C-alpha atoms as a PDB file:
ATOM      1  CA  MET A   1     -58.369  36.898 -13.449  1.00  0.00           C
ATOM      2  CA  CYS A   2     -55.477  35.278 -11.688  1.00  0.00           C
ATOM      3  CA  SER A   3     -52.061  36.019 -12.955  1.00  0.00           C
ATOM      4  CA  LYS A   4     -49.140  33.698 -12.635  1.00  0.00           C
ATOM      5  CA  PRO A   5     -46.634  35.031 -10.126  1.00  0.00           C
ATOM      6  CA  GLN A   6     -43.452  36.077 -11.769  1.00  0.00           C
ATOM      7  CA  GLU A   7     -40.340  34.129 -10.897  1.00  0.00           C
ATOM      8  CA  GLU A   8     -37.767  36.167  -9.167  1.00  0.00           C
ATOM      9  CA  LYS A   9     -34.303  36.060 -10.591  1.00  0.00           C
ATOM     10  CA  ALA A  10     -31.606  35.080  -8.149  1.00  0.00           C
ATOM     11  CA  PRO A  11     -29.016  37.727  -7.505  1.00  0.00           C
ATOM     12  CA  ILE A  12     -25.823  37.493  -9.530  1.00  0.00           C
ATOM     13  CA  SER A  13     -23.826  36.527  -6.447  1.00  0.00           C
ATOM     14  CA  SER A  14     -25.718  33.220  -6.077  1.00  0.00           C
ATOM     15  CA  GLU A  15     -24.978  32.410  -9.734  1.00  0.00           C
ATOM     16  CA  VAL A  16     -21.315  33.010  -9.025  1.00  0.00           C
ATOM     17  CA  GLU A  17     -21.540  30.822  -5.906  1.00  0.00           C
ATOM     18  CA  GLU A  18     -23.157  28.024  -7.933  1.00  0.00           C
ATOM     19  CA  SER A  19     -20.469  28.200 -10.593  1.00  0.00           C
ATOM     20  CA  THR A  20     -17.780  28.259  -7.883  1.00  0.00           C
ATOM     21  CA  GLU A  21     -19.326  25.187  -6.270  1.00  0.00           C
ATOM     22  CA  ALA A  22     -19.407  23.461  -9.663  1.00  0.00           C
ATOM     23  CA  VAL A  23     -15.730  24.257 -10.229  1.00  0.00           C
ATOM     24  CA  GLU A  24     -14.846  23.026  -6.716  1.00  0.00           C
ATOM     25  CA  SER A  25     -16.759  19.780  -7.227  1.00  0.00           C
ATOM     26  CA  THR A  26     -15.051  19.302 -10.599  1.00  0.00           C
ATOM     27  CA  GLU A  27     -11.687  19.875  -8.919  1.00  0.00           C
ATOM     28  CA  LEU A  28     -12.547  17.300  -6.250  1.00  0.00           C
ATOM     29  CA  ILE A  29     -13.502  14.771  -8.909  1.00  0.00           C
ATOM     30  CA  ASP A  30     -10.305  15.497 -10.841  1.00  0.00           C
ATOM     31  CA  SER A  31      -8.311  15.190  -7.610  1.00  0.00           C
ATOM     32  CA  ALA A  32      -9.942  11.841  -6.834  1.00  0.00           C
ATOM     33  CA  LYS A  33      -9.209  10.610 -10.370  1.00  0.00           C
ATOM     34  CA  ALA A  34      -5.618  11.758 -10.036  1.00  0.00           C
ATOM     35  CA  LYS A  35      -5.275   9.767  -6.806  1.00  0.00           C
ATOM     36  CA  VAL A  36      -6.686   6.686  -8.487  1.00  0.00           C
ATOM     37  CA  ASP A  37      -4.494   7.166 -11.570  1.00  0.00           C
ATOM     38  CA  ALA A  38      -1.379   7.977  -9.508  1.00  0.00           C
ATOM     39  CA  VAL A  39       1.603   5.698  -9.952  1.00  0.00           C
ATOM     40  CA  TRP A  40       2.576   4.201  -6.618  1.00  0.00           C
ATOM     41  CA  SER A  41       6.152   3.428  -5.692  1.00  0.00           C
ATOM     42  CA  VAL A  42       7.825   1.233  -3.099  1.00  0.00           C
ATOM     43  CA  TYR A  43      11.032   2.519  -1.492  1.00  0.00           C
ATOM     44  CA  LEU A  44      13.741   1.515   0.956  1.00  0.00           C
ATOM     45  CA  ILE A  45      15.477   4.050   3.208  1.00  0.00           C
ATOM     46  CA  ARG A  46      18.788   3.279   4.915  1.00  0.00           C
ATOM     47  CA  THR A  47      19.445   4.699   8.391  1.00  0.00           C
ATOM     48  CA  ALA A  48      22.795   5.667   9.919  1.00  0.00           C
ATOM     49  CA  ALA A  49      22.822   2.284  11.710  1.00  0.00           C
ATOM     50  CA  ASN A  50      22.465   0.540   8.313  1.00  0.00           C
ATOM     51  CA  GLN A  51      18.863  -0.503   9.012  1.00  0.00           C
ATOM     52  CA  LEU A  52      16.348  -0.555   6.156  1.00  0.00           C
ATOM     53  CA  TYR A  53      12.867   0.963   6.259  1.00  0.00           C
ATOM     54  CA  CYS A  54      10.285   0.108   3.585  1.00  0.00           C
ATOM     55  CA  GLY A  55       7.349   2.306   2.555  1.00  0.00           C
ATOM     56  CA  VAL A  56       4.981   3.244  -0.286  1.00  0.00           C
ATOM     57  CA  THR A  57       4.065   6.601  -1.789  1.00  0.00           C
ATOM     58  CA  THR A  58       3.067   8.377  -4.981  1.00  0.00           C
ATOM     59  CA  ASP A  59       5.940  10.873  -4.689  1.00  0.00           C
ATOM     60  CA  VAL A  60       9.186   9.370  -3.413  1.00  0.00           C
ATOM     61  CA  ALA A  61      11.127  12.672  -3.213  1.00  0.00           C
ATOM     62  CA  ARG A  62       8.368  14.364  -1.182  1.00  0.00           C
ATOM     63  CA  ARG A  63       7.994  11.401   1.160  1.00  0.00           C
ATOM     64  CA  PHE A  64      11.738  11.085   1.680  1.00  0.00           C
ATOM     65  CA  SER A  65      11.979  14.762   2.665  1.00  0.00           C
ATOM     66  CA  GLU A  66       9.076  14.246   5.092  1.00  0.00           C
ATOM     67  CA  HIS A  67      10.949  11.365   6.706  1.00  0.00           C
ATOM     68  CA  GLN A  68      14.060  13.501   7.070  1.00  0.00           C
ATOM     69  CA  SER A  69      12.649  16.584   8.710  1.00  0.00           C
ATOM     70  CA  LYS A  70       8.894  16.790   9.066  1.00  0.00           C
ATOM     71  CA  PRO A  71       6.465  15.408  11.635  1.00  0.00           C
ATOM     72  CA  GLN A  72       4.695  13.426   8.885  1.00  0.00           C
ATOM     73  CA  GLY A  73       7.658  11.062   8.702  1.00  0.00           C
ATOM     74  CA  ALA A  74       7.571   7.559  10.189  1.00  0.00           C
ATOM     75  CA  LYS A  75       8.199   7.258  13.932  1.00  0.00           C
ATOM     76  CA  TYR A  76      10.616   4.420  13.210  1.00  0.00           C
ATOM     77  CA  LEU A  77      12.990   6.839  11.465  1.00  0.00           C
ATOM     78  CA  LYS A  78      12.956   9.602  14.092  1.00  0.00           C
ATOM     79  CA  GLY A  79      16.472  10.215  15.379  1.00  0.00           C
ATOM     80  CA  LYS A  80      18.021   7.574  13.111  1.00  0.00           C
ATOM     81  CA  GLY A  81      19.506   9.982  10.586  1.00  0.00           C
ATOM     82  CA  PRO A  82      21.223  10.750   8.392  1.00  0.00           C
ATOM     83  CA  LEU A  83      18.875   8.884   6.079  1.00  0.00           C
ATOM     84  CA  THR A  84      19.620   7.847   2.526  1.00  0.00           C
ATOM     85  CA  LEU A  85      17.195   6.701  -0.118  1.00  0.00           C
ATOM     86  CA  ALA A  86      18.617   3.277  -0.936  1.00  0.00           C
ATOM     87  CA  TRP A  87      16.095   2.061  -3.522  1.00  0.00           C
ATOM     88  CA  SER A  88      12.740   2.886  -5.083  1.00  0.00           C
ATOM     89  CA  GLN A  89      10.644   1.487  -7.879  1.00  0.00           C
ATOM     90  CA  ALA A  90       7.343   2.532  -9.413  1.00  0.00           C
ATOM     91  CA  VAL A  91       5.008  -0.457  -9.304  1.00  0.00           C
ATOM     92  CA  GLY A  92       1.571   0.762 -10.396  1.00  0.00           C
ATOM     93  CA  ASP A  93      -1.552   0.873  -8.291  1.00  0.00           C
ATOM     94  CA  LYS A  94      -1.846   1.337  -4.526  1.00  0.00           C
ATOM     95  CA  ARG A  95      -3.051  -2.181  -3.762  1.00  0.00           C
ATOM     96  CA  TYR A  96      -0.101  -3.835  -5.498  1.00  0.00           C
ATOM     97  CA  ALA A  97       2.331  -1.378  -3.901  1.00  0.00           C
ATOM     98  CA  MET A  98       1.025  -2.145  -0.420  1.00  0.00           C
ATOM     99  CA  GLN A  99       1.130  -5.896  -1.035  1.00  0.00           C
ATOM    100  CA  LEU A 100       4.694  -5.572  -2.254  1.00  0.00           C
ATOM    101  CA  GLU A 101       5.651  -3.435   0.754  1.00  0.00           C
ATOM    102  CA  TYR A 102       4.315  -6.161   3.052  1.00  0.00           C
ATOM    103  CA  ARG A 103       6.246  -8.851   1.177  1.00  0.00           C
ATOM    104  CA  ILE A 104       9.478  -6.833   1.251  1.00  0.00           C
ATOM    105  CA  LYS A 105       9.103  -6.294   4.982  1.00  0.00           C
ATOM    106  CA  GLN A 106       8.927 -10.091   5.378  1.00  0.00           C
ATOM    107  CA  LEU A 107      12.244 -10.573   3.553  1.00  0.00           C
ATOM    108  CA  ALA A 108      15.536 -11.092   5.313  1.00  0.00           C
ATOM    109  CA  LYS A 109      17.937  -8.160   5.124  1.00  0.00           C
ATOM    110  CA  LYS A 110      20.244  -9.945   2.692  1.00  0.00           C
ATOM    111  CA  HIS A 111      17.344 -10.278   0.232  1.00  0.00           C
ATOM    112  CA  LYS A 112      16.488  -6.584   0.639  1.00  0.00           C
ATOM    113  CA  GLU A 113      20.125  -5.780  -0.110  1.00  0.00           C
ATOM    114  CA  GLN A 114      19.824  -7.869  -3.291  1.00  0.00           C
ATOM    115  CA  LEU A 115      16.863  -5.710  -4.312  1.00  0.00           C
ATOM    116  CA  ILE A 116      18.973  -2.596  -3.781  1.00  0.00           C
ATOM    117  CA  ILE A 117      21.938  -3.783  -5.859  1.00  0.00           C
ATOM    118  CA  GLY A 118      19.682  -5.151  -8.573  1.00  0.00           C
ATOM    119  CA  LYS A 119      20.345  -8.867  -8.180  1.00  0.00           C
ATOM    120  CA  ARG A 120      16.710  -9.443  -7.302  1.00  0.00           C
ATOM    121  CA  CYS A 121      13.623  -8.220  -9.160  1.00  0.00           C
ATOM    122  CA  VAL A 122      10.773  -6.744  -7.164  1.00  0.00           C
ATOM    123  CA  HIS A 123       8.160  -8.717  -9.095  1.00  0.00           C
ATOM    124  CA  ASP A 124      10.036 -11.944  -8.343  1.00  0.00           C
ATOM    125  CA  VAL A 125       9.573 -11.175  -4.645  1.00  0.00           C
ATOM    126  CA  MET A 126       5.805 -11.276  -5.094  1.00  0.00           C
ATOM    127  CA  ALA A 127       5.936 -14.455  -7.159  1.00  0.00           C
ATOM    128  CA  GLU A 128       8.195 -16.182  -4.603  1.00  0.00           C
ATOM    129  CA  GLN A 129       5.959 -15.197  -1.702  1.00  0.00           C
ATOM    130  CA  VAL A 130       2.825 -16.431  -3.487  1.00  0.00           C
ATOM    131  CA  ALA A 131       4.521 -19.748  -4.306  1.00  0.00           C
ATOM    132  CA  LYS A 132       5.711 -20.066  -0.703  1.00  0.00           C
ATOM    133  CA  LYS A 133       2.178 -19.459   0.577  1.00  0.00           C
ATOM    134  CA  LYS A 134       0.761 -22.115  -1.766  1.00  0.00           C
ATOM    135  CA  ARG A 135       3.361 -24.647  -0.593  1.00  0.00           C
ATOM    136  CA  SER A 136       2.526 -23.854   3.016  1.00  0.00           C
ATOM    137  CA  GLU A 137      -1.221 -24.299   2.419  1.00  0.00           C
ATOM    138  CA  LYS A 138      -0.619 -27.580   0.607  1.00  0.00           C
ATOM    139  CA  LYS A 139       1.533 -28.837   3.469  1.00  0.00           C
ATOM    140  CA  LYS A 140      -1.118 -27.867   6.032  1.00  0.00           C
ATOM    141  CA  SER A 141      -3.859 -29.660   4.122  1.00  0.00           C
ATOM    142  CA  SER A 142      -1.806 -32.865   3.956  1.00  0.00           C
ATOM    143  CA  GLU A 143      -1.037 -32.671   7.691  1.00  0.00           C
ATOM    144  CA  LYS A 144      -4.690 -32.549   8.746  1.00  0.00           C
ATOM    145  CA  LYS A 145      -5.656 -34.941  11.479  1.00  0.00           C
ATOM    146  CA  LYS A 146      -6.605 -38.309  10.144  1.00  0.00           C
ATOM    147  CA  PRO A 147     -10.046 -39.602  11.058  1.00  0.00           C
ATOM    148  CA  ALA A 148     -10.482 -41.806  14.077  1.00  0.00           C
ATOM    149  CA  VAL A 149     -11.028 -45.500  13.485  1.00  0.00           C
ATOM    150  CA  LYS A 150     -12.647 -47.686  16.113  1.00  0.00           C
ATOM    151  CA  SER A 151     -10.373 -50.385  17.315  1.00  0.00           C
ATOM    152  CA  VAL A 152     -11.332 -53.835  18.446  1.00  0.00           C
ATOM    153  CA  SER A 153     -11.485 -52.609  22.039  1.00  0.00           C
ATOM    154  CA  GLY A 154     -14.073 -49.969  21.054  1.00  0.00           C
ATOM    155  CA  LEU A 155     -11.824 -47.001  21.805  1.00  0.00           C
ATOM    156  CA  PRO A 156     -10.938 -44.639  18.959  1.00  0.00           C
ATOM    157  CA  THR A 157      -7.436 -44.906  17.567  1.00  0.00           C
ATOM    158  CA  TYR A 158      -5.722 -42.564  15.137  1.00  0.00           C
ATOM    159  CA  LEU A 159      -3.820 -43.716  12.110  1.00  0.00           C
END
């Protein structure tokens, strides 16, 4: 009579390893969710030469300290201290923050200064840029080359 081989129980250490791996994977998932749920901010830093630098982050205080003294700071700001945090605003998700950063970088300095003193709203910047882009596209479409029309001589002429 054949007997069914008995299953060997794994040593306790492998059970601990499995539970550790489960905890680590749960922590990774939680960390990923935290990154997705993080509130992103846009900020402006003023250099000693009164130049403005724009960036995005989830932790403005941490990022500002990195710019001041650590190698993780932007190359643009190296040797341009002392730096001051001129303005920051929480804006929501990463995509919107990065779009806003791009739009702010396109602004003239006087408009950035208006953001800092509060005469200009950050969301208005996005709306203005979108409207400007639409006007530009509309203008381009109306300026398209007009089709050629054959003249009496047989050569194409343009209206």
